[in-house]
Amino acid sequence: MDLLESLSHELAKRGNHLLWIETVMFSIINVAAFLGNLSVCYAVYRNQRLRTLSNMFVVALAVSDILMSTFCMPFSVVTLIRGQWIFGDSFCRFHGFGVFTFGLASLHTMGLIAVSRYFCIVKPERYIVLFKKQRILLYIGVVWCTAFIGSVPPFLFSHGGFEFQPGKAMCLYTFDTNIAYTVFIECVYVATPLTLIIVCYAKVFYTVSRSNQVFSLENNPQVLRANVEEAKVTKTLAAVMAGFACCWLPVCIIDYTDAAYGEPTLPRQAYLTYGFLVYLSSTINPFIYGATNKHFRRQYREIG
């Protein structure tokens, strides 16, 4: 019995206590992701002060997470209940395509957010030109098209592609079956935006720190207050990025490990954690907004 068959056997033969623990955890994540991100969109719709250019990216991120919680998560929950994938091969490919596309769209939206923060704080004169409402909608559209295009090739592979992965309780691209495409995705679609994010936020926080010191010394409270407000927005969005990275870094390590060995090599608990973290990344943002932004917090209380 190879490891893939062993993982399928472990999924099917779990004890009832383990079955219910796993099912309840994934169900909570599913409900929290859907309701939390829906609340974000509703809060921006209801509160005039939240309808900012920066929050257009926040809404775009929430939409991708709502799609993940609607078209992907419920089928993993059912899989954990039944102990097997029951939706057929065709829908499995659609499911894997969805997880892949929504994940890439979220990451690239994070990259857009980082670039917008860079221009807003470091080059504000360019920000006014580059980040108007219509242009932001265009940027978001390009991000989704890019994510869509990057997720299509696995449909064309004669071997591998999107397949059910029992350890993760989801269908997903099998990173160990086409190393060339895996390297392309990891370098161009993952490493490039991550590098961009790190560089942009490093420059942003350096500029904010210097500006606050200058305005404090010049005793200019009005400009200082505006700068501090932008710093708060930046810290909120950086916290979102940090949460996203904490979820996806272990996922990338597991993918790299499987790709290096050419097959699944880790125990089922590691792969189930993988699936949990993928879905958790779509759940945590509304809680970060509530913890760091008083306007979101107030709107959440009104919804409740």
C-alpha atoms as a PDB file:
ATOM      1  CA  MET A   1       0.000   0.000   0.000  1.00  0.00           C
ATOM      2  CA  ASP A   2       1.503   3.361  -1.051  1.00  0.00           C
ATOM      3  CA  LEU A   3       1.116   6.486   1.070  1.00  0.00           C
ATOM      4  CA  LEU A   4      -1.798   7.861  -0.994  1.00  0.00           C
ATOM      5  CA  GLU A   5      -3.780   4.665  -0.439  1.00  0.00           C
ATOM      6  CA  SER A   6      -2.789   4.744   3.206  1.00  0.00           C
ATOM      7  CA  LEU A   7      -4.117   8.313   3.537  1.00  0.00           C
ATOM      8  CA  SER A   8      -7.392   7.273   1.891  1.00  0.00           C
ATOM      9  CA  HIS A   9      -7.658   4.328   4.272  1.00  0.00           C
ATOM     10  CA  GLU A  10      -7.002   6.540   7.317  1.00  0.00           C
ATOM     11  CA  LEU A  11      -9.675   9.018   6.166  1.00  0.00           C
ATOM     12  CA  ALA A  12     -12.254   6.267   5.715  1.00  0.00           C
ATOM     13  CA  LYS A  13     -11.469   4.346   8.910  1.00  0.00           C
ATOM     14  CA  ARG A  14     -11.224   7.153  11.500  1.00  0.00           C
ATOM     15  CA  GLY A  15     -12.899   6.728  14.854  1.00  0.00           C
ATOM     16  CA  ASN A  16     -16.138   8.620  15.474  1.00  0.00           C
ATOM     17  CA  HIS A  17     -14.527  11.033  17.942  1.00  0.00           C
ATOM     18  CA  LEU A  18     -11.865  12.040  15.390  1.00  0.00           C
ATOM     19  CA  LEU A  19     -14.455  12.286  12.628  1.00  0.00           C
ATOM     20  CA  TRP A  20     -16.594  14.700  14.644  1.00  0.00           C
ATOM     21  CA  ILE A  21     -13.666  16.797  15.878  1.00  0.00           C
ATOM     22  CA  GLU A  22     -12.387  17.315  12.323  1.00  0.00           C
ATOM     23  CA  THR A  23     -15.850  17.926  10.888  1.00  0.00           C
ATOM     24  CA  VAL A  24     -16.814  20.457  13.562  1.00  0.00           C
ATOM     25  CA  MET A  25     -13.500  22.362  13.185  1.00  0.00           C
ATOM     26  CA  PHE A  26     -13.857  22.674   9.415  1.00  0.00           C
ATOM     27  CA  SER A  27     -17.567  23.535   9.728  1.00  0.00           C
ATOM     28  CA  ILE A  28     -16.804  26.373  12.150  1.00  0.00           C
ATOM     29  CA  ILE A  29     -14.151  27.708   9.778  1.00  0.00           C
ATOM     30  CA  ASN A  30     -16.628  27.486   6.887  1.00  0.00           C
ATOM     31  CA  VAL A  31     -19.404  29.393   8.677  1.00  0.00           C
ATOM     32  CA  ALA A  32     -17.014  31.982  10.157  1.00  0.00           C
ATOM     33  CA  ALA A  33     -15.407  32.636   6.752  1.00  0.00           C
ATOM     34  CA  PHE A  34     -18.744  33.143   5.035  1.00  0.00           C
ATOM     35  CA  LEU A  35     -20.432  35.288   7.691  1.00  0.00           C
ATOM     36  CA  GLY A  36     -17.263  37.221   8.609  1.00  0.00           C
ATOM     37  CA  ASN A  37     -16.410  38.261   5.060  1.00  0.00           C
ATOM     38  CA  LEU A  38     -20.044  39.004   4.284  1.00  0.00           C
ATOM     39  CA  SER A  39     -20.004  41.312   7.325  1.00  0.00           C
ATOM     40  CA  VAL A  40     -16.935  43.097   5.916  1.00  0.00           C
ATOM     41  CA  CYS A  41     -18.740  43.825   2.636  1.00  0.00           C
ATOM     42  CA  TYR A  42     -21.876  44.932   4.502  1.00  0.00           C
ATOM     43  CA  ALA A  43     -19.870  47.173   6.845  1.00  0.00           C
ATOM     44  CA  VAL A  44     -18.224  48.959   3.912  1.00  0.00           C
ATOM     45  CA  TYR A  45     -21.623  49.309   2.232  1.00  0.00           C
ATOM     46  CA  ARG A  46     -23.274  50.760   5.357  1.00  0.00           C
ATOM     47  CA  ASN A  47     -20.524  53.043   6.652  1.00  0.00           C
ATOM     48  CA  GLN A  48     -19.552  56.022   4.510  1.00  0.00           C
ATOM     49  CA  ARG A  49     -16.214  56.382   6.329  1.00  0.00           C
ATOM     50  CA  LEU A  50     -15.256  52.859   5.280  1.00  0.00           C
ATOM     51  CA  ARG A  51     -15.789  53.556   1.577  1.00  0.00           C
ATOM     52  CA  THR A  52     -12.171  54.432   0.907  1.00  0.00           C
ATOM     53  CA  LEU A  53      -9.860  53.500  -1.952  1.00  0.00           C
ATOM     54  CA  SER A  54      -7.903  51.191   0.380  1.00  0.00           C
ATOM     55  CA  ASN A  55     -11.072  49.355   1.354  1.00  0.00           C
ATOM     56  CA  MET A  56     -11.825  48.571  -2.284  1.00  0.00           C
ATOM     57  CA  PHE A  57      -8.976  46.070  -1.981  1.00  0.00           C
ATOM     58  CA  VAL A  58     -10.371  44.869   1.351  1.00  0.00           C
ATOM     59  CA  VAL A  59     -13.733  44.151  -0.300  1.00  0.00           C
ATOM     60  CA  ALA A  60     -11.995  42.374  -3.208  1.00  0.00           C
ATOM     61  CA  LEU A  61     -10.181  40.185  -0.686  1.00  0.00           C
ATOM     62  CA  ALA A  62     -13.445  39.489   1.157  1.00  0.00           C
ATOM     63  CA  VAL A  63     -15.148  38.478  -2.094  1.00  0.00           C
ATOM     64  CA  SER A  64     -12.449  35.904  -2.886  1.00  0.00           C
ATOM     65  CA  ASP A  65     -12.823  34.517   0.652  1.00  0.00           C
ATOM     66  CA  ILE A  66     -16.628  34.358   0.324  1.00  0.00           C
ATOM     67  CA  LEU A  67     -16.195  32.386  -2.899  1.00  0.00           C
ATOM     68  CA  MET A  68     -13.770  30.028  -1.143  1.00  0.00           C
ATOM     69  CA  SER A  69     -16.258  29.493   1.709  1.00  0.00           C
ATOM     70  CA  THR A  70     -19.113  28.889  -0.750  1.00  0.00           C
ATOM     71  CA  PHE A  71     -17.624  26.791  -3.539  1.00  0.00           C
ATOM     72  CA  CYS A  72     -14.787  24.944  -1.790  1.00  0.00           C
ATOM     73  CA  MET A  73     -15.108  24.582   1.988  1.00  0.00           C
ATOM     74  CA  PRO A  74     -18.517  22.841   2.195  1.00  0.00           C
ATOM     75  CA  PHE A  75     -17.307  19.950   0.039  1.00  0.00           C
ATOM     76  CA  SER A  76     -14.335  19.352   2.324  1.00  0.00           C
ATOM     77  CA  VAL A  77     -16.748  19.288   5.288  1.00  0.00           C
ATOM     78  CA  VAL A  78     -18.903  16.657   3.551  1.00  0.00           C
ATOM     79  CA  THR A  79     -15.765  14.679   2.652  1.00  0.00           C
ATOM     80  CA  LEU A  80     -14.732  14.600   6.312  1.00  0.00           C
ATOM     81  CA  ILE A  81     -18.215  13.419   7.297  1.00  0.00           C
ATOM     82  CA  ARG A  82     -18.386  10.682   4.645  1.00  0.00           C
ATOM     83  CA  GLY A  83     -14.727   9.655   4.797  1.00  0.00           C
ATOM     84  CA  GLN A  84     -14.317   9.885   1.022  1.00  0.00           C
ATOM     85  CA  TRP A  85     -14.832  12.182  -1.971  1.00  0.00           C
ATOM     86  CA  ILE A  86     -18.373  11.526  -3.258  1.00  0.00           C
ATOM     87  CA  PHE A  87     -18.775  14.282  -5.867  1.00  0.00           C
ATOM     88  CA  GLY A  88     -17.081  12.652  -8.862  1.00  0.00           C
ATOM     89  CA  ASP A  89     -13.959  13.380 -10.893  1.00  0.00           C
ATOM     90  CA  SER A  90     -15.375  16.255 -12.958  1.00  0.00           C
ATOM     91  CA  PHE A  91     -16.474  18.251  -9.933  1.00  0.00           C
ATOM     92  CA  CYS A  92     -13.172  17.377  -8.226  1.00  0.00           C
ATOM     93  CA  ARG A  93     -11.322  19.229 -10.982  1.00  0.00           C
ATOM     94  CA  PHE A  94     -13.678  22.197 -10.606  1.00  0.00           C
ATOM     95  CA  HIS A  95     -13.154  22.149  -6.822  1.00  0.00           C
ATOM     96  CA  GLY A  96      -9.358  22.050  -7.174  1.00  0.00           C
ATOM     97  CA  PHE A  97      -9.465  24.836  -9.746  1.00  0.00           C
ATOM     98  CA  GLY A  98     -11.529  26.950  -7.332  1.00  0.00           C
ATOM     99  CA  VAL A  99      -9.179  26.477  -4.393  1.00  0.00           C
ATOM    100  CA  PHE A 100      -6.177  27.276  -6.587  1.00  0.00           C
ATOM    101  CA  THR A 101      -7.744  30.317  -8.259  1.00  0.00           C
ATOM    102  CA  PHE A 102      -9.133  31.886  -5.085  1.00  0.00           C
ATOM    103  CA  GLY A 103      -5.839  31.321  -3.276  1.00  0.00           C
ATOM    104  CA  LEU A 104      -3.821  32.986  -6.042  1.00  0.00           C
ATOM    105  CA  ALA A 105      -6.341  35.845  -6.313  1.00  0.00           C
ATOM    106  CA  SER A 106      -6.024  36.493  -2.567  1.00  0.00           C
ATOM    107  CA  LEU A 107      -2.220  36.496  -2.695  1.00  0.00           C
ATOM    108  CA  HIS A 108      -2.099  38.843  -5.679  1.00  0.00           C
ATOM    109  CA  THR A 109      -4.661  41.150  -4.081  1.00  0.00           C
ATOM    110  CA  MET A 110      -2.318  41.282  -1.079  1.00  0.00           C
ATOM    111  CA  GLY A 111       0.413  42.303  -3.502  1.00  0.00           C
ATOM    112  CA  LEU A 112      -1.809  45.070  -4.884  1.00  0.00           C
ATOM    113  CA  ILE A 113      -2.519  46.282  -1.354  1.00  0.00           C
ATOM    114  CA  ALA A 114       1.213  46.428  -0.589  1.00  0.00           C
ATOM    115  CA  VAL A 115       1.942  48.379  -3.782  1.00  0.00           C
ATOM    116  CA  SER A 116      -0.908  50.820  -3.068  1.00  0.00           C
ATOM    117  CA  ARG A 117       0.414  51.390   0.469  1.00  0.00           C
ATOM    118  CA  TYR A 118       3.892  51.983  -0.969  1.00  0.00           C
ATOM    119  CA  PHE A 119       2.656  54.710  -3.316  1.00  0.00           C
ATOM    120  CA  CYS A 120       0.300  56.189  -0.706  1.00  0.00           C
ATOM    121  CA  ILE A 121       3.040  56.587   1.914  1.00  0.00           C
ATOM    122  CA  VAL A 122       6.323  56.756  -0.014  1.00  0.00           C
ATOM    123  CA  LYS A 123       5.257  58.428  -3.292  1.00  0.00           C
ATOM    124  CA  PRO A 124       1.930  60.163  -2.529  1.00  0.00           C
ATOM    125  CA  GLU A 125       2.106  62.384  -5.619  1.00  0.00           C
ATOM    126  CA  ARG A 126       2.037  59.244  -7.813  1.00  0.00           C
ATOM    127  CA  TYR A 127      -0.641  57.571  -5.686  1.00  0.00           C
ATOM    128  CA  ILE A 128      -3.228  60.197  -6.664  1.00  0.00           C
ATOM    129  CA  VAL A 129      -2.627  59.418 -10.343  1.00  0.00           C
ATOM    130  CA  LEU A 130      -2.269  55.631 -10.188  1.00  0.00           C
ATOM    131  CA  PHE A 131      -4.969  54.721  -7.664  1.00  0.00           C
ATOM    132  CA  LYS A 132      -8.222  56.270  -8.781  1.00  0.00           C
ATOM    133  CA  LYS A 133     -11.447  54.282  -8.418  1.00  0.00           C
ATOM    134  CA  GLN A 134     -11.663  53.122 -12.045  1.00  0.00           C
ATOM    135  CA  ARG A 135      -8.004  52.138 -12.115  1.00  0.00           C
ATOM    136  CA  ILE A 136      -8.336  50.141  -8.891  1.00  0.00           C
ATOM    137  CA  LEU A 137     -11.241  48.201 -10.408  1.00  0.00           C
ATOM    138  CA  LEU A 138      -9.050  47.554 -13.454  1.00  0.00           C
ATOM    139  CA  TYR A 139      -6.162  46.338 -11.262  1.00  0.00           C
ATOM    140  CA  ILE A 140      -8.486  43.975  -9.380  1.00  0.00           C
ATOM    141  CA  GLY A 141      -9.828  42.663 -12.691  1.00  0.00           C
ATOM    142  CA  VAL A 142      -6.275  42.012 -13.936  1.00  0.00           C
ATOM    143  CA  VAL A 143      -5.455  40.142 -10.713  1.00  0.00           C
ATOM    144  CA  TRP A 144      -8.444  37.828 -11.172  1.00  0.00           C
ATOM    145  CA  CYS A 145      -7.636  37.233 -14.848  1.00  0.00           C
ATOM    146  CA  THR A 146      -4.032  36.414 -13.933  1.00  0.00           C
ATOM    147  CA  ALA A 147      -5.136  33.993 -11.203  1.00  0.00           C
ATOM    148  CA  PHE A 148      -7.593  32.358 -13.609  1.00  0.00           C
ATOM    149  CA  ILE A 149      -4.995  31.942 -16.365  1.00  0.00           C
ATOM    150  CA  GLY A 150      -2.444  30.506 -13.924  1.00  0.00           C
ATOM    151  CA  SER A 151      -4.936  27.898 -12.718  1.00  0.00           C
ATOM    152  CA  VAL A 152      -5.970  26.593 -16.164  1.00  0.00           C
ATOM    153  CA  PRO A 153      -2.875  24.535 -17.236  1.00  0.00           C
ATOM    154  CA  PRO A 154      -3.510  21.593 -14.820  1.00  0.00           C
ATOM    155  CA  PHE A 155      -6.689  20.857 -16.828  1.00  0.00           C
ATOM    156  CA  LEU A 156      -4.445  20.159 -19.835  1.00  0.00           C
ATOM    157  CA  PHE A 157      -2.032  17.737 -18.156  1.00  0.00           C
ATOM    158  CA  SER A 158      -2.290  14.120 -19.319  1.00  0.00           C
ATOM    159  CA  HIS A 159      -1.116  12.991 -15.876  1.00  0.00           C
ATOM    160  CA  GLY A 160      -1.798  14.667 -12.550  1.00  0.00           C
ATOM    161  CA  GLY A 161      -3.557  18.017 -12.574  1.00  0.00           C
ATOM    162  CA  PHE A 162      -6.419  18.536 -10.131  1.00  0.00           C
ATOM    163  CA  GLU A 163      -6.998  15.387  -8.100  1.00  0.00           C
ATOM    164  CA  PHE A 164      -8.557  14.422  -4.796  1.00  0.00           C
ATOM    165  CA  GLN A 165      -5.980  14.471  -1.983  1.00  0.00           C
ATOM    166  CA  PRO A 166      -7.356  12.437   0.928  1.00  0.00           C
ATOM    167  CA  GLY A 167      -4.934  13.780   3.516  1.00  0.00           C
ATOM    168  CA  LYS A 168      -6.104  17.363   2.823  1.00  0.00           C
ATOM    169  CA  ALA A 169      -9.796  16.431   2.378  1.00  0.00           C
ATOM    170  CA  MET A 170      -9.927  18.507  -0.799  1.00  0.00           C
ATOM    171  CA  CYS A 171      -9.182  18.379  -4.489  1.00  0.00           C
ATOM    172  CA  LEU A 172      -6.101  20.342  -5.434  1.00  0.00           C
ATOM    173  CA  TYR A 173      -3.305  20.580  -7.952  1.00  0.00           C
ATOM    174  CA  THR A 174      -0.812  17.767  -7.349  1.00  0.00           C
ATOM    175  CA  PHE A 175       2.424  19.719  -7.049  1.00  0.00           C
ATOM    176  CA  ASP A 176       4.600  16.604  -7.396  1.00  0.00           C
ATOM    177  CA  THR A 177       3.325  15.542 -10.843  1.00  0.00           C
ATOM    178  CA  ASN A 178       4.597  18.401 -13.049  1.00  0.00           C
ATOM    179  CA  ILE A 179       7.759  19.916 -11.634  1.00  0.00           C
ATOM    180  CA  ALA A 180       8.197  22.484 -14.433  1.00  0.00           C
ATOM    181  CA  TYR A 181       4.745  23.969 -13.876  1.00  0.00           C
ATOM    182  CA  THR A 182       5.194  23.783 -10.098  1.00  0.00           C
ATOM    183  CA  VAL A 183       8.460  25.753 -10.313  1.00  0.00           C
ATOM    184  CA  PHE A 184       6.769  28.304 -12.588  1.00  0.00           C
ATOM    185  CA  ILE A 185       3.828  28.769 -10.204  1.00  0.00           C
ATOM    186  CA  GLU A 186       5.978  28.943  -7.079  1.00  0.00           C
ATOM    187  CA  CYS A 187       8.477  31.402  -8.603  1.00  0.00           C
ATOM    188  CA  VAL A 188       6.248  33.657 -10.721  1.00  0.00           C
ATOM    189  CA  TYR A 189       2.863  33.428  -9.004  1.00  0.00           C
ATOM    190  CA  VAL A 190       3.961  33.007  -5.379  1.00  0.00           C
ATOM    191  CA  ALA A 191       7.561  34.160  -4.788  1.00  0.00           C
ATOM    192  CA  THR A 192       7.280  37.318  -6.926  1.00  0.00           C
ATOM    193  CA  PRO A 193       4.251  38.863  -5.131  1.00  0.00           C
ATOM    194  CA  LEU A 194       5.644  37.804  -1.736  1.00  0.00           C
ATOM    195  CA  THR A 195       8.952  39.547  -2.491  1.00  0.00           C
ATOM    196  CA  LEU A 196       7.061  42.621  -3.685  1.00  0.00           C
ATOM    197  CA  ILE A 197       5.010  42.645  -0.471  1.00  0.00           C
ATOM    198  CA  ILE A 198       8.069  42.419   1.777  1.00  0.00           C
ATOM    199  CA  VAL A 199       9.943  45.178  -0.073  1.00  0.00           C
ATOM    200  CA  CYS A 200       6.922  47.514  -0.186  1.00  0.00           C
ATOM    201  CA  TYR A 201       6.051  47.164   3.495  1.00  0.00           C
ATOM    202  CA  ALA A 202       9.699  47.567   4.532  1.00  0.00           C
ATOM    203  CA  LYS A 203       9.872  50.882   2.660  1.00  0.00           C
ATOM    204  CA  VAL A 204       6.459  51.947   3.980  1.00  0.00           C
ATOM    205  CA  PHE A 205       7.260  51.397   7.653  1.00  0.00           C
ATOM    206  CA  TYR A 206      10.651  53.080   7.267  1.00  0.00           C
ATOM    207  CA  THR A 207       9.016  56.135   5.667  1.00  0.00           C
ATOM    208  CA  VAL A 208       6.231  56.298   8.280  1.00  0.00           C
ATOM    209  CA  SER A 209       8.736  56.125  11.111  1.00  0.00           C
ATOM    210  CA  ARG A 210      10.872  58.938   9.647  1.00  0.00           C
ATOM    211  CA  SER A 211       7.843  61.117   8.839  1.00  0.00           C
ATOM    212  CA  ASN A 212       6.426  60.858  12.356  1.00  0.00           C
ATOM    213  CA  GLN A 213       9.767  61.911  13.816  1.00  0.00           C
ATOM    214  CA  VAL A 214      10.028  64.903  11.440  1.00  0.00           C
ATOM    215  CA  PHE A 215       6.472  66.125  12.049  1.00  0.00           C
ATOM    216  CA  SER A 216       6.870  65.726  15.805  1.00  0.00           C
ATOM    217  CA  LEU A 217      10.010  67.840  15.762  1.00  0.00           C
ATOM    218  CA  GLU A 218       8.308  70.462  13.578  1.00  0.00           C
ATOM    219  CA  ASN A 219       5.360  70.550  16.004  1.00  0.00           C
ATOM    220  CA  ASN A 220       2.858  70.099  13.169  1.00  0.00           C
ATOM    221  CA  PRO A 221      -0.028  68.197  14.815  1.00  0.00           C
ATOM    222  CA  GLN A 222      -2.383  68.319  11.812  1.00  0.00           C
ATOM    223  CA  VAL A 223       0.057  66.691   9.406  1.00  0.00           C
ATOM    224  CA  LEU A 224       1.211  64.313  12.120  1.00  0.00           C
ATOM    225  CA  ARG A 225      -2.390  63.224  12.763  1.00  0.00           C
ATOM    226  CA  ALA A 226      -2.946  62.521   9.058  1.00  0.00           C
ATOM    227  CA  ASN A 227       0.297  60.585   8.887  1.00  0.00           C
ATOM    228  CA  VAL A 228      -0.623  58.563  11.974  1.00  0.00           C
ATOM    229  CA  GLU A 229      -4.015  57.732  10.418  1.00  0.00           C
ATOM    230  CA  GLU A 230      -2.322  56.398   7.282  1.00  0.00           C
ATOM    231  CA  ALA A 231       0.067  54.450   9.514  1.00  0.00           C
ATOM    232  CA  LYS A 232      -2.925  52.814  11.244  1.00  0.00           C
ATOM    233  CA  VAL A 233      -4.387  51.768   7.896  1.00  0.00           C
ATOM    234  CA  THR A 234      -1.006  50.398   6.867  1.00  0.00           C
ATOM    235  CA  LYS A 235      -0.625  48.448  10.115  1.00  0.00           C
ATOM    236  CA  THR A 236      -4.079  46.913   9.669  1.00  0.00           C
ATOM    237  CA  LEU A 237      -3.266  45.780   6.142  1.00  0.00           C
ATOM    238  CA  ALA A 238       0.170  44.561   7.234  1.00  0.00           C
ATOM    239  CA  ALA A 239      -1.539  42.504   9.977  1.00  0.00           C
ATOM    240  CA  VAL A 240      -3.748  40.949   7.291  1.00  0.00           C
ATOM    241  CA  MET A 241      -0.631  40.086   5.305  1.00  0.00           C
ATOM    242  CA  ALA A 242       1.065  38.610   8.388  1.00  0.00           C
ATOM    243  CA  GLY A 243      -1.968  36.421   9.087  1.00  0.00           C
ATOM    244  CA  PHE A 244      -2.018  35.284   5.470  1.00  0.00           C
ATOM    245  CA  ALA A 245       1.708  34.457   5.590  1.00  0.00           C
ATOM    246  CA  CYS A 246       1.343  32.477   8.844  1.00  0.00           C
ATOM    247  CA  CYS A 247      -1.308  30.340   7.162  1.00  0.00           C
ATOM    248  CA  TRP A 248       0.391  29.861   3.807  1.00  0.00           C
ATOM    249  CA  LEU A 249       4.050  29.466   4.797  1.00  0.00           C
ATOM    250  CA  PRO A 250       3.496  25.930   6.225  1.00  0.00           C
ATOM    251  CA  VAL A 251       1.372  25.147   3.150  1.00  0.00           C
ATOM    252  CA  CYS A 252       4.222  26.141   0.815  1.00  0.00           C
ATOM    253  CA  ILE A 253       6.727  24.098   2.833  1.00  0.00           C
ATOM    254  CA  ILE A 254       4.523  20.991   2.525  1.00  0.00           C
ATOM    255  CA  ASP A 255       4.104  21.595  -1.224  1.00  0.00           C
ATOM    256  CA  TYR A 256       7.875  22.009  -1.672  1.00  0.00           C
ATOM    257  CA  THR A 257       8.501  18.820   0.313  1.00  0.00           C
ATOM    258  CA  ASP A 258       6.084  16.758  -1.787  1.00  0.00           C
ATOM    259  CA  ALA A 259       7.445  18.230  -5.019  1.00  0.00           C
ATOM    260  CA  ALA A 260      11.024  17.439  -3.979  1.00  0.00           C
ATOM    261  CA  TYR A 261      10.198  13.811  -3.184  1.00  0.00           C
ATOM    262  CA  GLY A 262       7.810  13.392  -6.114  1.00  0.00           C
ATOM    263  CA  GLU A 263       5.043  11.972  -3.909  1.00  0.00           C
ATOM    264  CA  PRO A 264       3.237  12.581  -0.602  1.00  0.00           C
ATOM    265  CA  THR A 265       5.609  11.785   2.265  1.00  0.00           C
ATOM    266  CA  LEU A 266       4.041  13.279   5.404  1.00  0.00           C
ATOM    267  CA  PRO A 267       1.516  11.867   7.898  1.00  0.00           C
ATOM    268  CA  ARG A 268      -2.202  12.572   7.533  1.00  0.00           C
ATOM    269  CA  GLN A 269      -2.186  15.074  10.431  1.00  0.00           C
ATOM    270  CA  ALA A 270       0.241  17.294   8.503  1.00  0.00           C
ATOM    271  CA  TYR A 271      -1.924  17.261   5.380  1.00  0.00           C
ATOM    272  CA  LEU A 272      -5.123  17.883   7.341  1.00  0.00           C
ATOM    273  CA  THR A 273      -3.407  20.872   8.958  1.00  0.00           C
ATOM    274  CA  TYR A 274      -2.547  21.985   5.422  1.00  0.00           C
ATOM    275  CA  GLY A 275      -6.228  21.972   4.446  1.00  0.00           C
ATOM    276  CA  PHE A 276      -7.220  23.676   7.683  1.00  0.00           C
ATOM    277  CA  LEU A 277      -4.684  26.499   7.157  1.00  0.00           C
ATOM    278  CA  VAL A 278      -5.766  27.056   3.546  1.00  0.00           C
ATOM    279  CA  TYR A 279      -9.322  27.625   4.723  1.00  0.00           C
ATOM    280  CA  LEU A 280      -8.291  29.509   7.869  1.00  0.00           C
ATOM    281  CA  SER A 281      -6.559  32.120   5.688  1.00  0.00           C
ATOM    282  CA  SER A 282     -10.007  32.974   4.295  1.00  0.00           C
ATOM    283  CA  THR A 283     -11.469  33.337   7.787  1.00  0.00           C
ATOM    284  CA  ILE A 284      -9.137  35.520   9.848  1.00  0.00           C
ATOM    285  CA  ASN A 285      -9.301  38.853   7.987  1.00  0.00           C
ATOM    286  CA  PRO A 286     -12.668  40.068   9.358  1.00  0.00           C
ATOM    287  CA  PHE A 287     -11.391  39.461  12.900  1.00  0.00           C
ATOM    288  CA  ILE A 288      -8.201  41.426  12.149  1.00  0.00           C
ATOM    289  CA  TYR A 289     -10.269  44.353  10.833  1.00  0.00           C
ATOM    290  CA  GLY A 290     -12.434  44.260  13.956  1.00  0.00           C
ATOM    291  CA  ALA A 291      -9.399  44.192  16.254  1.00  0.00           C
ATOM    292  CA  THR A 292      -7.510  47.004  14.516  1.00  0.00           C
ATOM    293  CA  ASN A 293     -10.150  49.325  13.041  1.00  0.00           C
ATOM    294  CA  LYS A 294     -12.727  51.050  15.252  1.00  0.00           C
ATOM    295  CA  HIS A 295     -15.065  51.777  12.317  1.00  0.00           C
ATOM    296  CA  PHE A 296     -15.254  48.095  11.363  1.00  0.00           C
ATOM    297  CA  ARG A 297     -15.649  47.201  15.042  1.00  0.00           C
ATOM    298  CA  ARG A 298     -18.557  49.611  15.467  1.00  0.00           C
ATOM    299  CA  GLN A 299     -20.245  48.335  12.326  1.00  0.00           C
ATOM    300  CA  TYR A 300     -19.860  44.706  13.447  1.00  0.00           C
ATOM    301  CA  ARG A 301     -21.615  45.563  16.724  1.00  0.00           C
ATOM    302  CA  GLU A 302     -24.510  47.128  14.807  1.00  0.00           C
ATOM    303  CA  ILE A 303     -24.821  44.018  12.638  1.00  0.00           C
ATOM    304  CA  GLY A 304     -24.793  41.834  15.748  1.00  0.00           C
END
